[in-house]
Amino acid sequence: VGIHLNKSNELGVVESVKAAAEIYAPASGEVIEINKELATNPSLVNEAADGEGWFIKMHITNKDELNELMDEVAYSAYIVGLQ
């Protein structure tokens, strides 16, 4: 909390049995909250990624960077294209 991240800065790592993957900041801003529940219940990331499985909350300092992100429909199409 209190750390400033620039867009694409690494903010953490997700580890599984098979691999580890970095998590990157979607936009620039200050971290205002960390989901401490993940430390004791990491399966929330898989079970409720769009709910209780969040990683951090940020105060976005450059809202224009949000325009570069995919919406849910575009991201779903992107994922399907990878398969």
PDB file of N, CA and C in Angstrom:
ATOM      1  N   VAL A   1       0.848  -1.169   0.000  1.00  0.00           N
ATOM      2  CA  VAL A   1       0.000   0.000   0.000  1.00  0.00           C
ATOM      3  C   VAL A   1       0.895   1.235   0.000  1.00  0.00           C
ATOM      4  N   GLY A   2       0.512   2.227  -0.823  1.00  0.00           N
ATOM      5  CA  GLY A   2       1.299   3.448  -0.905  1.00  0.00           C
ATOM      6  C   GLY A   2       2.340   3.437  -2.001  1.00  0.00           C
ATOM      7  N   ILE A   3       2.555   2.296  -2.619  1.00  0.00           N
ATOM      8  CA  ILE A   3       3.548   2.193  -3.691  1.00  0.00           C
ATOM      9  C   ILE A   3       2.933   2.712  -4.991  1.00  0.00           C
ATOM     10  N   HIS A   4       3.720   3.488  -5.744  1.00  0.00           N
ATOM     11  CA  HIS A   4       3.279   3.957  -7.057  1.00  0.00           C
ATOM     12  C   HIS A   4       3.798   2.996  -8.110  1.00  0.00           C
ATOM     13  N   LEU A   5       2.904   2.551  -8.978  1.00  0.00           N
ATOM     14  CA  LEU A   5       3.268   1.680 -10.095  1.00  0.00           C
ATOM     15  C   LEU A   5       3.016   2.412 -11.397  1.00  0.00           C
ATOM     16  N   ASN A   6       3.898   2.221 -12.338  1.00  0.00           N
ATOM     17  CA  ASN A   6       3.658   2.689 -13.693  1.00  0.00           C
ATOM     18  C   ASN A   6       3.031   1.554 -14.479  1.00  0.00           C
ATOM     19  N   LYS A   7       2.283   1.895 -15.502  1.00  0.00           N
ATOM     20  CA  LYS A   7       1.662   0.889 -16.348  1.00  0.00           C
ATOM     21  C   LYS A   7       2.721  -0.130 -16.763  1.00  0.00           C
ATOM     22  N   SER A   8       2.379  -1.392 -16.651  1.00  0.00           N
ATOM     23  CA  SER A   8       3.219  -2.538 -17.030  1.00  0.00           C
ATOM     24  C   SER A   8       4.298  -2.886 -16.013  1.00  0.00           C
ATOM     25  N   ASN A   9       4.381  -2.157 -14.890  1.00  0.00           N
ATOM     26  CA  ASN A   9       5.291  -2.578 -13.817  1.00  0.00           C
ATOM     27  C   ASN A   9       4.798  -3.897 -13.242  1.00  0.00           C
ATOM     28  N   GLU A  10       5.741  -4.763 -12.877  1.00  0.00           N
ATOM     29  CA  GLU A  10       5.356  -6.011 -12.219  1.00  0.00           C
ATOM     30  C   GLU A  10       4.843  -5.696 -10.820  1.00  0.00           C
ATOM     31  N   LEU A  11       3.681  -6.259 -10.479  1.00  0.00           N
ATOM     32  CA  LEU A  11       3.135  -6.019  -9.150  1.00  0.00           C
ATOM     33  C   LEU A  11       3.041  -7.290  -8.326  1.00  0.00           C
ATOM     34  N   GLY A  12       3.333  -8.415  -8.938  1.00  0.00           N
ATOM     35  CA  GLY A  12       3.297  -9.669  -8.197  1.00  0.00           C
ATOM     36  C   GLY A  12       3.527 -10.846  -9.106  1.00  0.00           C
ATOM     37  N   VAL A  13       3.462 -12.038  -8.507  1.00  0.00           N
ATOM     38  CA  VAL A  13       3.648 -13.287  -9.243  1.00  0.00           C
ATOM     39  C   VAL A  13       2.595 -14.275  -8.772  1.00  0.00           C
ATOM     40  N   VAL A  14       2.026 -15.007  -9.723  1.00  0.00           N
ATOM     41  CA  VAL A  14       1.102 -16.085  -9.412  1.00  0.00           C
ATOM     42  C   VAL A  14       1.837 -17.387  -9.679  1.00  0.00           C
ATOM     43  N   GLU A  15       1.852 -18.265  -8.698  1.00  0.00           N
ATOM     44  CA  GLU A  15       2.530 -19.542  -8.855  1.00  0.00           C
ATOM     45  C   GLU A  15       1.518 -20.673  -8.813  1.00  0.00           C
ATOM     46  N   SER A  16       1.768 -21.681  -9.645  1.00  0.00           N
ATOM     47  CA  SER A  16       0.967 -22.898  -9.622  1.00  0.00           C
ATOM     48  C   SER A  16       1.930 -24.074  -9.556  1.00  0.00           C
ATOM     49  N   VAL A  17       1.402 -25.258  -9.604  1.00  0.00           N
ATOM     50  CA  VAL A  17       2.247 -26.446  -9.566  1.00  0.00           C
ATOM     51  C   VAL A  17       3.172 -26.491 -10.781  1.00  0.00           C
ATOM     52  N   LYS A  18       2.672 -26.036 -11.923  1.00  0.00           N
ATOM     53  CA  LYS A  18       3.406 -26.155 -13.177  1.00  0.00           C
ATOM     54  C   LYS A  18       4.216 -24.931 -13.576  1.00  0.00           C
ATOM     55  N   ALA A  19       3.829 -23.761 -13.110  1.00  0.00           N
ATOM     56  CA  ALA A  19       4.476 -22.551 -13.620  1.00  0.00           C
ATOM     57  C   ALA A  19       4.295 -21.370 -12.677  1.00  0.00           C
ATOM     58  N   ALA A  20       5.007 -20.309 -13.003  1.00  0.00           N
ATOM     59  CA  ALA A  20       4.839 -19.021 -12.318  1.00  0.00           C
ATOM     60  C   ALA A  20       4.644 -17.967 -13.395  1.00  0.00           C
ATOM     61  N   ALA A  21       3.779 -17.005 -13.132  1.00  0.00           N
ATOM     62  CA  ALA A  21       3.507 -15.943 -14.097  1.00  0.00           C
ATOM     63  C   ALA A  21       3.467 -14.600 -13.388  1.00  0.00           C
ATOM     64  N   GLU A  22       4.085 -13.615 -13.991  1.00  0.00           N
ATOM     65  CA  GLU A  22       4.096 -12.269 -13.438  1.00  0.00           C
ATOM     66  C   GLU A  22       2.743 -11.598 -13.659  1.00  0.00           C
ATOM     67  N   ILE A  23       2.389 -10.700 -12.760  1.00  0.00           N
ATOM     68  CA  ILE A  23       1.194  -9.876 -12.880  1.00  0.00           C
ATOM     69  C   ILE A  23       1.674  -8.443 -13.074  1.00  0.00           C
ATOM     70  N   TYR A  24       1.112  -7.762 -14.060  1.00  0.00           N
ATOM     71  CA  TYR A  24       1.549  -6.409 -14.386  1.00  0.00           C
ATOM     72  C   TYR A  24       0.437  -5.398 -14.131  1.00  0.00           C
ATOM     73  N   ALA A  25       0.814  -4.210 -13.733  1.00  0.00           N
ATOM     74  CA  ALA A  25      -0.142  -3.133 -13.497  1.00  0.00           C
ATOM     75  C   ALA A  25      -0.825  -2.757 -14.814  1.00  0.00           C
ATOM     76  N   PRO A  26      -2.152  -2.706 -14.832  1.00  0.00           N
ATOM     77  CA  PRO A  26      -2.873  -2.356 -16.061  1.00  0.00           C
ATOM     78  C   PRO A  26      -2.805  -0.874 -16.395  1.00  0.00           C
ATOM     79  N   ALA A  27      -2.464  -0.060 -15.404  1.00  0.00           N
ATOM     80  CA  ALA A  27      -2.378   1.391 -15.582  1.00  0.00           C
ATOM     81  C   ALA A  27      -1.489   1.951 -14.476  1.00  0.00           C
ATOM     82  N   SER A  28      -1.124   3.200 -14.592  1.00  0.00           N
ATOM     83  CA  SER A  28      -0.286   3.852 -13.581  1.00  0.00           C
ATOM     84  C   SER A  28      -1.150   4.318 -12.411  1.00  0.00           C
ATOM     85  N   GLY A  29      -0.597   4.205 -11.216  1.00  0.00           N
ATOM     86  CA  GLY A  29      -1.332   4.679 -10.053  1.00  0.00           C
ATOM     87  C   GLY A  29      -0.714   4.225  -8.747  1.00  0.00           C
ATOM     88  N   GLU A  30      -1.396   4.565  -7.664  1.00  0.00           N
ATOM     89  CA  GLU A  30      -0.934   4.226  -6.324  1.00  0.00           C
ATOM     90  C   GLU A  30      -1.755   3.061  -5.773  1.00  0.00           C
ATOM     91  N   VAL A  31      -1.074   2.078  -5.229  1.00  0.00           N
ATOM     92  CA  VAL A  31      -1.751   0.947  -4.604  1.00  0.00           C
ATOM     93  C   VAL A  31      -2.401   1.445  -3.313  1.00  0.00           C
ATOM     94  N   ILE A  32      -3.718   1.249  -3.196  1.00  0.00           N
ATOM     95  CA  ILE A  32      -4.423   1.713  -2.001  1.00  0.00           C
ATOM     96  C   ILE A  32      -4.925   0.558  -1.131  1.00  0.00           C
ATOM     97  N   GLU A  33      -4.939  -0.656  -1.699  1.00  0.00           N
ATOM     98  CA  GLU A  33      -5.375  -1.812  -0.908  1.00  0.00           C
ATOM     99  C   GLU A  33      -4.843  -3.087  -1.547  1.00  0.00           C
ATOM    100  N   ILE A  34      -4.496  -4.049  -0.703  1.00  0.00           N
ATOM    101  CA  ILE A  34      -4.037  -5.363  -1.144  1.00  0.00           C
ATOM    102  C   ILE A  34      -5.014  -6.389  -0.594  1.00  0.00           C
ATOM    103  N   ASN A  35      -5.362  -7.375  -1.394  1.00  0.00           N
ATOM    104  CA  ASN A  35      -6.282  -8.419  -0.960  1.00  0.00           C
ATOM    105  C   ASN A  35      -5.533  -9.417  -0.086  1.00  0.00           C
ATOM    106  N   LYS A  36      -5.542  -9.196   1.199  1.00  0.00           N
ATOM    107  CA  LYS A  36      -4.831 -10.054   2.151  1.00  0.00           C
ATOM    108  C   LYS A  36      -5.450 -11.441   2.240  1.00  0.00           C
ATOM    109  N   GLU A  37      -6.686 -11.583   1.829  1.00  0.00           N
ATOM    110  CA  GLU A  37      -7.362 -12.880   1.845  1.00  0.00           C
ATOM    111  C   GLU A  37      -6.658 -13.895   0.947  1.00  0.00           C
ATOM    112  N   LEU A  38      -5.985 -13.421  -0.103  1.00  0.00           N
ATOM    113  CA  LEU A  38      -5.298 -14.336  -1.017  1.00  0.00           C
ATOM    114  C   LEU A  38      -4.148 -15.070  -0.352  1.00  0.00           C
ATOM    115  N   ALA A  39      -3.560 -14.493   0.689  1.00  0.00           N
ATOM    116  CA  ALA A  39      -2.455 -15.154   1.386  1.00  0.00           C
ATOM    117  C   ALA A  39      -2.911 -16.456   2.038  1.00  0.00           C
ATOM    118  N   THR A  40      -4.125 -16.482   2.540  1.00  0.00           N
ATOM    119  CA  THR A  40      -4.635 -17.680   3.194  1.00  0.00           C
ATOM    120  C   THR A  40      -5.569 -18.494   2.310  1.00  0.00           C
ATOM    121  N   ASN A  41      -6.060 -17.899   1.236  1.00  0.00           N
ATOM    122  CA  ASN A  41      -6.990 -18.582   0.340  1.00  0.00           C
ATOM    123  C   ASN A  41      -6.675 -18.222  -1.117  1.00  0.00           C
ATOM    124  N   PRO A  42      -5.516 -18.660  -1.628  1.00  0.00           N
ATOM    125  CA  PRO A  42      -5.127 -18.284  -2.992  1.00  0.00           C
ATOM    126  C   PRO A  42      -6.044 -18.842  -4.073  1.00  0.00           C
ATOM    127  N   SER A  43      -6.826 -19.854  -3.763  1.00  0.00           N
ATOM    128  CA  SER A  43      -7.734 -20.422  -4.767  1.00  0.00           C
ATOM    129  C   SER A  43      -8.817 -19.432  -5.189  1.00  0.00           C
ATOM    130  N   LEU A  44      -8.980 -18.336  -4.442  1.00  0.00           N
ATOM    131  CA  LEU A  44      -9.950 -17.312  -4.848  1.00  0.00           C
ATOM    132  C   LEU A  44      -9.645 -16.757  -6.235  1.00  0.00           C
ATOM    133  N   VAL A  45      -8.386 -16.756  -6.611  1.00  0.00           N
ATOM    134  CA  VAL A  45      -8.010 -16.247  -7.937  1.00  0.00           C
ATOM    135  C   VAL A  45      -8.694 -17.069  -9.024  1.00  0.00           C
ATOM    136  N   ASN A  46      -8.748 -18.369  -8.843  1.00  0.00           N
ATOM    137  CA  ASN A  46      -9.396 -19.246  -9.827  1.00  0.00           C
ATOM    138  C   ASN A  46     -10.902 -19.300  -9.646  1.00  0.00           C
ATOM    139  N   GLU A  47     -11.354 -19.274  -8.401  1.00  0.00           N
ATOM    140  CA  GLU A  47     -12.772 -19.449  -8.116  1.00  0.00           C
ATOM    141  C   GLU A  47     -13.592 -18.182  -8.356  1.00  0.00           C
ATOM    142  N   ALA A  48     -12.986 -17.028  -8.139  1.00  0.00           N
ATOM    143  CA  ALA A  48     -13.745 -15.776  -8.219  1.00  0.00           C
ATOM    144  C   ALA A  48     -12.866 -14.637  -8.735  1.00  0.00           C
ATOM    145  N   ALA A  49     -12.255 -14.845  -9.886  1.00  0.00           N
ATOM    146  CA  ALA A  49     -11.334 -13.847 -10.434  1.00  0.00           C
ATOM    147  C   ALA A  49     -11.993 -12.495 -10.663  1.00  0.00           C
ATOM    148  N   ASP A  50     -13.275 -12.491 -10.972  1.00  0.00           N
ATOM    149  CA  ASP A  50     -13.972 -11.221 -11.197  1.00  0.00           C
ATOM    150  C   ASP A  50     -14.772 -10.782  -9.970  1.00  0.00           C
ATOM    151  N   GLY A  51     -14.434 -11.364  -8.809  1.00  0.00           N
ATOM    152  CA  GLY A  51     -15.109 -11.006  -7.557  1.00  0.00           C
ATOM    153  C   GLY A  51     -14.100 -10.931  -6.427  1.00  0.00           C
ATOM    154  N   GLU A  52     -14.147 -11.872  -5.521  1.00  0.00           N
ATOM    155  CA  GLU A  52     -13.297 -11.860  -4.330  1.00  0.00           C
ATOM    156  C   GLU A  52     -11.834 -12.208  -4.606  1.00  0.00           C
ATOM    157  N   GLY A  53     -11.499 -12.587  -5.843  1.00  0.00           N
ATOM    158  CA  GLY A  53     -10.134 -12.973  -6.173  1.00  0.00           C
ATOM    159  C   GLY A  53      -9.257 -11.835  -6.688  1.00  0.00           C
ATOM    160  N   TRP A  54      -9.615 -10.611  -6.399  1.00  0.00           N
ATOM    161  CA  TRP A  54      -8.834  -9.450  -6.862  1.00  0.00           C
ATOM    162  C   TRP A  54      -7.488  -9.403  -6.140  1.00  0.00           C
ATOM    163  N   PHE A  55      -6.494  -8.778  -6.767  1.00  0.00           N
ATOM    164  CA  PHE A  55      -5.143  -8.675  -6.198  1.00  0.00           C
ATOM    165  C   PHE A  55      -4.935  -7.366  -5.439  1.00  0.00           C
ATOM    166  N   ILE A  56      -5.138  -6.253  -6.144  1.00  0.00           N
ATOM    167  CA  ILE A  56      -4.914  -4.938  -5.540  1.00  0.00           C
ATOM    168  C   ILE A  56      -5.996  -3.977  -6.004  1.00  0.00           C
ATOM    169  N   LYS A  57      -6.141  -2.907  -5.258  1.00  0.00           N
ATOM    170  CA  LYS A  57      -6.954  -1.770  -5.689  1.00  0.00           C
ATOM    171  C   LYS A  57      -6.006  -0.598  -5.852  1.00  0.00           C
ATOM    172  N   MET A  58      -6.242   0.191  -6.901  1.00  0.00           N
ATOM    173  CA  MET A  58      -5.362   1.307  -7.223  1.00  0.00           C
ATOM    174  C   MET A  58      -6.147   2.592  -7.391  1.00  0.00           C
ATOM    175  N   HIS A  59      -5.487   3.685  -7.058  1.00  0.00           N
ATOM    176  CA  HIS A  59      -5.964   5.013  -7.443  1.00  0.00           C
ATOM    177  C   HIS A  59      -5.240   5.314  -8.752  1.00  0.00           C
ATOM    178  N   ILE A  60      -5.962   5.283  -9.861  1.00  0.00           N
ATOM    179  CA  ILE A  60      -5.371   5.471 -11.191  1.00  0.00           C
ATOM    180  C   ILE A  60      -4.997   6.937 -11.375  1.00  0.00           C
ATOM    181  N   THR A  61      -3.754   7.177 -11.794  1.00  0.00           N
ATOM    182  CA  THR A  61      -3.304   8.556 -11.990  1.00  0.00           C
ATOM    183  C   THR A  61      -3.343   8.992 -13.452  1.00  0.00           C
ATOM    184  N   ASN A  62      -3.430   8.041 -14.381  1.00  0.00           N
ATOM    185  CA  ASN A  62      -3.515   8.392 -15.799  1.00  0.00           C
ATOM    186  C   ASN A  62      -4.671   7.601 -16.401  1.00  0.00           C
ATOM    187  N   LYS A  63      -5.870   8.138 -16.311  1.00  0.00           N
ATOM    188  CA  LYS A  63      -7.060   7.415 -16.755  1.00  0.00           C
ATOM    189  C   LYS A  63      -7.069   7.153 -18.263  1.00  0.00           C
ATOM    190  N   ASP A  64      -6.295   7.904 -19.034  1.00  0.00           N
ATOM    191  CA  ASP A  64      -6.217   7.656 -20.471  1.00  0.00           C
ATOM    192  C   ASP A  64      -5.648   6.271 -20.762  1.00  0.00           C
ATOM    193  N   GLU A  65      -4.817   5.740 -19.879  1.00  0.00           N
ATOM    194  CA  GLU A  65      -4.245   4.405 -20.075  1.00  0.00           C
ATOM    195  C   GLU A  65      -5.323   3.319 -20.055  1.00  0.00           C
ATOM    196  N   LEU A  66      -6.442   3.584 -19.415  1.00  0.00           N
ATOM    197  CA  LEU A  66      -7.525   2.609 -19.370  1.00  0.00           C
ATOM    198  C   LEU A  66      -8.134   2.369 -20.745  1.00  0.00           C
ATOM    199  N   ASN A  67      -8.027   3.356 -21.630  1.00  0.00           N
ATOM    200  CA  ASN A  67      -8.561   3.217 -22.990  1.00  0.00           C
ATOM    201  C   ASN A  67      -7.799   2.170 -23.795  1.00  0.00           C
ATOM    202  N   GLU A  68      -6.604   1.817 -23.358  1.00  0.00           N
ATOM    203  CA  GLU A  68      -5.782   0.835 -24.066  1.00  0.00           C
ATOM    204  C   GLU A  68      -6.106  -0.602 -23.648  1.00  0.00           C
ATOM    205  N   LEU A  69      -6.930  -0.786 -22.623  1.00  0.00           N
ATOM    206  CA  LEU A  69      -7.275  -2.114 -22.133  1.00  0.00           C
ATOM    207  C   LEU A  69      -8.427  -2.710 -22.924  1.00  0.00           C
ATOM    208  N   MET A  70      -8.471  -4.045 -22.986  1.00  0.00           N
ATOM    209  CA  MET A  70      -9.578  -4.739 -23.635  1.00  0.00           C
ATOM    210  C   MET A  70     -10.783  -4.766 -22.697  1.00  0.00           C
ATOM    211  N   ASP A  71     -11.983  -4.711 -23.279  1.00  0.00           N
ATOM    212  CA  ASP A  71     -13.172  -4.946 -22.474  1.00  0.00           C
ATOM    213  C   ASP A  71     -13.398  -6.463 -22.405  1.00  0.00           C
ATOM    214  N   GLU A  72     -14.428  -6.879 -21.676  1.00  0.00           N
ATOM    215  CA  GLU A  72     -14.649  -8.312 -21.464  1.00  0.00           C
ATOM    216  C   GLU A  72     -14.899  -9.063 -22.771  1.00  0.00           C
ATOM    217  N   VAL A  73     -15.639  -8.483 -23.685  1.00  0.00           N
ATOM    218  CA  VAL A  73     -15.942  -9.133 -24.965  1.00  0.00           C
ATOM    219  C   VAL A  73     -14.664  -9.315 -25.781  1.00  0.00           C
ATOM    220  N   ALA A  74     -13.851  -8.283 -25.880  1.00  0.00           N
ATOM    221  CA  ALA A  74     -12.610  -8.366 -26.648  1.00  0.00           C
ATOM    222  C   ALA A  74     -11.640  -9.364 -26.013  1.00  0.00           C
ATOM    223  N   TYR A  75     -11.575  -9.374 -24.688  1.00  0.00           N
ATOM    224  CA  TYR A  75     -10.674 -10.308 -24.010  1.00  0.00           C
ATOM    225  C   TYR A  75     -11.130 -11.753 -24.208  1.00  0.00           C
ATOM    226  N   SER A  76     -12.424 -11.999 -24.139  1.00  0.00           N
ATOM    227  CA  SER A  76     -12.948 -13.347 -24.376  1.00  0.00           C
ATOM    228  C   SER A  76     -12.612 -13.822 -25.781  1.00  0.00           C
ATOM    229  N   ALA A  77     -12.755 -12.952 -26.760  1.00  0.00           N
ATOM    230  CA  ALA A  77     -12.416 -13.297 -28.138  1.00  0.00           C
ATOM    231  C   ALA A  77     -10.913 -13.566 -28.276  1.00  0.00           C
ATOM    232  N   TYR A  78     -10.105 -12.798 -27.583  1.00  0.00           N
ATOM    233  CA  TYR A  78      -8.647 -12.985 -27.595  1.00  0.00           C
ATOM    234  C   TYR A  78      -8.279 -14.356 -27.027  1.00  0.00           C
ATOM    235  N   ILE A  79      -8.885 -14.730 -25.919  1.00  0.00           N
ATOM    236  CA  ILE A  79      -8.604 -16.012 -25.278  1.00  0.00           C
ATOM    237  C   ILE A  79      -9.008 -17.168 -26.198  1.00  0.00           C
ATOM    238  N   VAL A  80     -10.170 -17.067 -26.813  1.00  0.00           N
ATOM    239  CA  VAL A  80     -10.643 -18.106 -27.732  1.00  0.00           C
ATOM    240  C   VAL A  80      -9.665 -18.250 -28.892  1.00  0.00           C
ATOM    241  N   GLY A  81      -9.131 -17.130 -29.362  1.00  0.00           N
ATOM    242  CA  GLY A  81      -8.182 -17.172 -30.464  1.00  0.00           C
ATOM    243  C   GLY A  81      -6.865 -17.843 -30.107  1.00  0.00           C
ATOM    244  N   LEU A  82      -6.534 -17.923 -28.835  1.00  0.00           N
ATOM    245  CA  LEU A  82      -5.289 -18.565 -28.395  1.00  0.00           C
ATOM    246  C   LEU A  82      -5.415 -20.087 -28.355  1.00  0.00           C
ATOM    247  N   GLN A  83      -6.648 -20.575 -28.332  1.00  0.00           N
ATOM    248  CA  GLN A  83      -6.850 -22.015 -28.190  1.00  0.00           C
ATOM    249  C   GLN A  83      -6.744 -22.744 -29.501  1.00  0.00           C
TER     250      GLN A  83
END
